Amino acid sequence: MLELDFEIFLGAHTHRVGDRHDVEMGRAFLVDQWNWTRQAMREVRFAPSVAEPGNLCAAQSVCFNRIAATAALAPTVTAKVLAHRAGRHI
């Protein structure tokens, strides 16, 4: 999407109009979350067989719940997400 030339972004929620900077920031946050989660997943044993076969949402939910349940990891990922929302990048 960022390869397109645009000034105004109107996503699925029409009450939230943004611009290119908003899209860039949203993408950066998504990439950060992905990387934080990948790091945490390396420390959490995940068996895809515990989720419904072929259901990516269920598999992600199981994995995220395991990360959240791991006391050493949950505060790290949660703190990063909350700090990002507050405008402080860790």
N, C-alpha and C. Protein backbone atom coordinates (compact mmCIF):
# COMPACT_ATOMS: atom_id res chain seq x y z
N MET A 1 0.82 -1.19 0.00
CA MET A 1 0.00 0.00 0.00
C MET A 1 0.87 1.25 0.00
N LEU A 2 1.97 1.21 0.72
CA LEU A 2 2.83 2.39 0.80
C LEU A 2 3.54 2.68 -0.51
N GLU A 3 3.45 1.77 -1.46
CA GLU A 3 4.01 2.03 -2.78
C GLU A 3 3.11 2.96 -3.59
N LEU A 4 1.86 3.12 -3.15
CA LEU A 4 0.92 4.01 -3.82
C LEU A 4 1.16 5.46 -3.38
N ASP A 5 0.85 6.39 -4.26
CA ASP A 5 0.96 7.81 -3.93
C ASP A 5 -0.40 8.28 -3.42
N PHE A 6 -0.48 8.62 -2.14
CA PHE A 6 -1.75 9.09 -1.58
C PHE A 6 -1.49 10.08 -0.45
N GLU A 7 -2.49 10.90 -0.19
CA GLU A 7 -2.40 11.88 0.90
C GLU A 7 -3.39 11.56 2.00
N ILE A 8 -4.53 10.99 1.64
CA ILE A 8 -5.59 10.69 2.61
C ILE A 8 -5.87 9.20 2.58
N PHE A 9 -5.97 8.61 3.77
CA PHE A 9 -6.30 7.19 3.89
C PHE A 9 -7.62 7.06 4.62
N LEU A 10 -8.54 6.33 4.02
CA LEU A 10 -9.83 6.05 4.63
C LEU A 10 -9.94 4.54 4.72
N GLY A 11 -9.74 4.02 5.93
CA GLY A 11 -9.76 2.57 6.13
C GLY A 11 -11.16 2.05 6.35
N ALA A 12 -11.25 0.89 6.95
CA ALA A 12 -12.55 0.25 7.17
C ALA A 12 -13.41 1.03 8.16
N HIS A 13 -12.77 1.76 9.07
CA HIS A 13 -13.52 2.56 10.05
C HIS A 13 -13.57 3.98 9.52
N THR A 14 -14.68 4.33 8.90
CA THR A 14 -14.78 5.60 8.18
C THR A 14 -14.71 6.83 9.08
N HIS A 15 -14.84 6.65 10.38
CA HIS A 15 -14.74 7.79 11.28
C HIS A 15 -13.28 8.13 11.58
N ARG A 16 -12.36 7.32 11.10
CA ARG A 16 -10.94 7.56 11.36
C ARG A 16 -10.22 7.78 10.03
N VAL A 17 -10.11 9.01 9.64
CA VAL A 17 -9.40 9.36 8.42
C VAL A 17 -7.95 9.64 8.80
N GLY A 18 -7.04 9.15 7.99
CA GLY A 18 -5.63 9.35 8.27
C GLY A 18 -4.88 9.81 7.04
N ASP A 19 -3.60 9.95 7.20
CA ASP A 19 -2.75 10.32 6.07
C ASP A 19 -1.63 9.29 5.92
N ARG A 20 -0.71 9.55 5.03
CA ARG A 20 0.38 8.62 4.76
C ARG A 20 1.19 8.33 6.02
N HIS A 21 1.44 9.36 6.82
CA HIS A 21 2.20 9.19 8.05
C HIS A 21 1.50 8.21 8.99
N ASP A 22 0.18 8.32 9.10
CA ASP A 22 -0.59 7.40 9.95
C ASP A 22 -0.44 5.96 9.48
N VAL A 23 -0.47 5.76 8.18
CA VAL A 23 -0.31 4.41 7.62
C VAL A 23 1.10 3.90 7.91
N GLU A 24 2.09 4.75 7.74
CA GLU A 24 3.48 4.35 8.02
C GLU A 24 3.65 3.98 9.50
N MET A 25 3.07 4.78 10.39
CA MET A 25 3.18 4.50 11.82
C MET A 25 2.43 3.21 12.18
N GLY A 26 1.27 3.01 11.61
CA GLY A 26 0.51 1.79 11.86
C GLY A 26 1.27 0.56 11.40
N ARG A 27 1.89 0.66 10.23
CA ARG A 27 2.68 -0.47 9.72
C ARG A 27 3.89 -0.72 10.61
N ALA A 28 4.56 0.34 11.02
CA ALA A 28 5.74 0.18 11.89
C ALA A 28 5.35 -0.50 13.20
N PHE A 29 4.21 -0.12 13.76
CA PHE A 29 3.75 -0.74 15.00
C PHE A 29 3.43 -2.22 14.79
N LEU A 30 2.78 -2.53 13.66
CA LEU A 30 2.47 -3.92 13.35
C LEU A 30 3.76 -4.74 13.21
N VAL A 31 4.75 -4.18 12.53
CA VAL A 31 6.04 -4.88 12.38
C VAL A 31 6.70 -5.07 13.74
N ASP A 32 6.66 -4.03 14.59
CA ASP A 32 7.21 -4.15 15.95
C ASP A 32 6.52 -5.28 16.71
N GLN A 33 5.18 -5.30 16.68
CA GLN A 33 4.44 -6.36 17.39
C GLN A 33 4.82 -7.72 16.85
N TRP A 34 4.95 -7.83 15.54
CA TRP A 34 5.33 -9.10 14.93
C TRP A 34 6.70 -9.54 15.46
N ASN A 35 7.65 -8.63 15.47
CA ASN A 35 9.00 -8.97 15.93
C ASN A 35 9.03 -9.31 17.42
N TRP A 36 8.30 -8.56 18.25
CA TRP A 36 8.25 -8.85 19.68
C TRP A 36 7.65 -10.24 19.91
N THR A 37 6.59 -10.53 19.16
CA THR A 37 5.92 -11.81 19.32
C THR A 37 6.82 -12.95 18.83
N ARG A 38 7.49 -12.75 17.71
CA ARG A 38 8.42 -13.78 17.21
C ARG A 38 9.50 -14.07 18.24
N GLN A 39 10.02 -13.02 18.86
CA GLN A 39 11.04 -13.19 19.89
C GLN A 39 10.47 -14.00 21.06
N ALA A 40 9.28 -13.65 21.49
CA ALA A 40 8.65 -14.36 22.61
C ALA A 40 8.33 -15.81 22.21
N MET A 41 7.93 -16.02 20.96
CA MET A 41 7.58 -17.37 20.51
C MET A 41 8.79 -18.29 20.53
N ARG A 42 9.98 -17.75 20.35
CA ARG A 42 11.18 -18.58 20.41
C ARG A 42 11.36 -19.19 21.80
N GLU A 43 10.77 -18.55 22.79
CA GLU A 43 10.93 -19.00 24.16
C GLU A 43 9.74 -19.80 24.67
N VAL A 44 8.70 -19.91 23.84
CA VAL A 44 7.49 -20.64 24.23
C VAL A 44 7.31 -21.82 23.29
N ARG A 45 7.22 -23.01 23.86
CA ARG A 45 7.00 -24.21 23.04
C ARG A 45 5.58 -24.18 22.51
N PHE A 46 5.45 -24.28 21.21
CA PHE A 46 4.13 -24.23 20.58
C PHE A 46 3.93 -25.47 19.72
N ALA A 47 2.84 -26.16 19.96
CA ALA A 47 2.49 -27.34 19.17
C ALA A 47 1.22 -27.02 18.39
N PRO A 48 1.34 -26.83 17.07
CA PRO A 48 0.16 -26.48 16.27
C PRO A 48 -0.99 -27.47 16.41
N SER A 49 -0.69 -28.69 16.83
CA SER A 49 -1.74 -29.71 16.95
C SER A 49 -2.77 -29.37 18.03
N VAL A 50 -2.46 -28.42 18.91
CA VAL A 50 -3.43 -28.06 19.95
C VAL A 50 -4.53 -27.16 19.41
N ALA A 51 -4.35 -26.63 18.21
CA ALA A 51 -5.36 -25.78 17.59
C ALA A 51 -6.06 -26.55 16.47
N GLU A 52 -7.20 -26.05 16.07
CA GLU A 52 -7.95 -26.65 14.98
C GLU A 52 -7.11 -26.61 13.70
N PRO A 53 -6.92 -27.74 13.03
CA PRO A 53 -6.08 -27.76 11.82
C PRO A 53 -6.57 -26.75 10.77
N GLY A 54 -5.64 -25.97 10.24
CA GLY A 54 -5.97 -25.01 9.20
C GLY A 54 -6.58 -23.71 9.70
N ASN A 55 -6.79 -23.58 11.00
CA ASN A 55 -7.40 -22.37 11.54
C ASN A 55 -6.30 -21.49 12.12
N LEU A 56 -5.81 -20.57 11.29
CA LEU A 56 -4.69 -19.71 11.69
C LEU A 56 -5.06 -18.85 12.90
N CYS A 57 -6.28 -18.36 12.94
CA CYS A 57 -6.68 -17.52 14.08
C CYS A 57 -6.62 -18.30 15.39
N ALA A 58 -7.08 -19.55 15.37
CA ALA A 58 -7.05 -20.37 16.58
C ALA A 58 -5.61 -20.67 16.98
N ALA A 59 -4.76 -20.96 16.00
CA ALA A 59 -3.36 -21.24 16.30
C ALA A 59 -2.68 -20.03 16.91
N GLN A 60 -2.95 -18.85 16.35
CA GLN A 60 -2.37 -17.62 16.91
C GLN A 60 -2.89 -17.37 18.31
N SER A 61 -4.17 -17.59 18.51
CA SER A 61 -4.76 -17.37 19.83
C SER A 61 -4.11 -18.26 20.88
N VAL A 62 -3.91 -19.53 20.55
CA VAL A 62 -3.27 -20.46 21.47
C VAL A 62 -1.86 -19.98 21.78
N CYS A 63 -1.13 -19.59 20.75
CA CYS A 63 0.26 -19.15 20.93
C CYS A 63 0.31 -17.88 21.78
N PHE A 64 -0.53 -16.91 21.46
CA PHE A 64 -0.53 -15.65 22.22
C PHE A 64 -0.92 -15.90 23.67
N ASN A 65 -1.87 -16.79 23.90
CA ASN A 65 -2.26 -17.11 25.27
C ASN A 65 -1.11 -17.76 26.03
N ARG A 66 -0.34 -18.60 25.35
CA ARG A 66 0.81 -19.22 26.01
C ARG A 66 1.87 -18.17 26.33
N ILE A 67 2.07 -17.23 25.42
CA ILE A 67 3.04 -16.16 25.68
C ILE A 67 2.56 -15.33 26.87
N ALA A 68 1.26 -14.98 26.88
CA ALA A 68 0.71 -14.19 27.97
C ALA A 68 0.81 -14.92 29.30
N ALA A 69 0.72 -16.24 29.26
CA ALA A 69 0.77 -17.03 30.49
C ALA A 69 2.20 -17.23 30.99
N THR A 70 3.16 -16.92 30.17
CA THR A 70 4.56 -17.07 30.56
C THR A 70 4.98 -15.80 31.28
N ALA A 71 5.09 -15.87 32.56
CA ALA A 71 5.33 -14.68 33.39
C ALA A 71 6.55 -13.87 32.94
N ALA A 72 7.57 -14.54 32.47
CA ALA A 72 8.79 -13.82 32.08
C ALA A 72 8.60 -13.05 30.78
N LEU A 73 7.66 -13.47 29.92
CA LEU A 73 7.49 -12.84 28.62
C LEU A 73 6.36 -11.83 28.57
N ALA A 74 5.27 -12.13 29.23
CA ALA A 74 4.09 -11.27 29.15
C ALA A 74 4.38 -9.83 29.52
N PRO A 75 5.08 -9.57 30.63
CA PRO A 75 5.34 -8.17 30.96
C PRO A 75 6.18 -7.46 29.90
N THR A 76 7.08 -8.18 29.26
CA THR A 76 7.93 -7.56 28.25
C THR A 76 7.12 -7.12 27.04
N VAL A 77 6.34 -8.04 26.47
CA VAL A 77 5.55 -7.72 25.29
C VAL A 77 4.48 -6.70 25.64
N THR A 78 3.78 -6.90 26.76
CA THR A 78 2.73 -5.97 27.16
C THR A 78 3.31 -4.58 27.40
N ALA A 79 4.43 -4.48 28.07
CA ALA A 79 5.05 -3.18 28.33
C ALA A 79 5.41 -2.48 27.03
N LYS A 80 5.89 -3.21 26.06
CA LYS A 80 6.25 -2.60 24.78
C LYS A 80 5.01 -2.08 24.06
N VAL A 81 3.94 -2.86 24.07
CA VAL A 81 2.71 -2.42 23.41
C VAL A 81 2.15 -1.18 24.10
N LEU A 82 2.08 -1.21 25.44
CA LEU A 82 1.55 -0.06 26.17
C LEU A 82 2.42 1.18 26.00
N ALA A 83 3.74 1.00 26.01
CA ALA A 83 4.64 2.13 25.81
C ALA A 83 4.46 2.72 24.43
N HIS A 84 4.26 1.86 23.44
CA HIS A 84 4.07 2.34 22.07
C HIS A 84 2.77 3.16 21.99
N ARG A 85 1.72 2.64 22.61
CA ARG A 85 0.44 3.35 22.60
C ARG A 85 0.54 4.72 23.29
N ALA A 86 1.42 4.79 24.27
CA ALA A 86 1.60 6.05 25.00
C ALA A 86 2.60 6.97 24.30
N GLY A 87 3.19 6.49 23.20
CA GLY A 87 4.11 7.33 22.45
C GLY A 87 5.57 7.16 22.86
N ARG A 88 5.86 6.23 23.75
CA ARG A 88 7.23 5.97 24.18
C ARG A 88 7.67 4.67 23.55
N HIS A 89 8.71 4.72 22.77
CA HIS A 89 9.19 3.49 22.11
C HIS A 89 10.31 2.89 22.94
N ILE A 90 10.22 1.59 23.17
CA ILE A 90 11.23 0.88 23.95
C ILE A 90 12.21 0.25 23.00
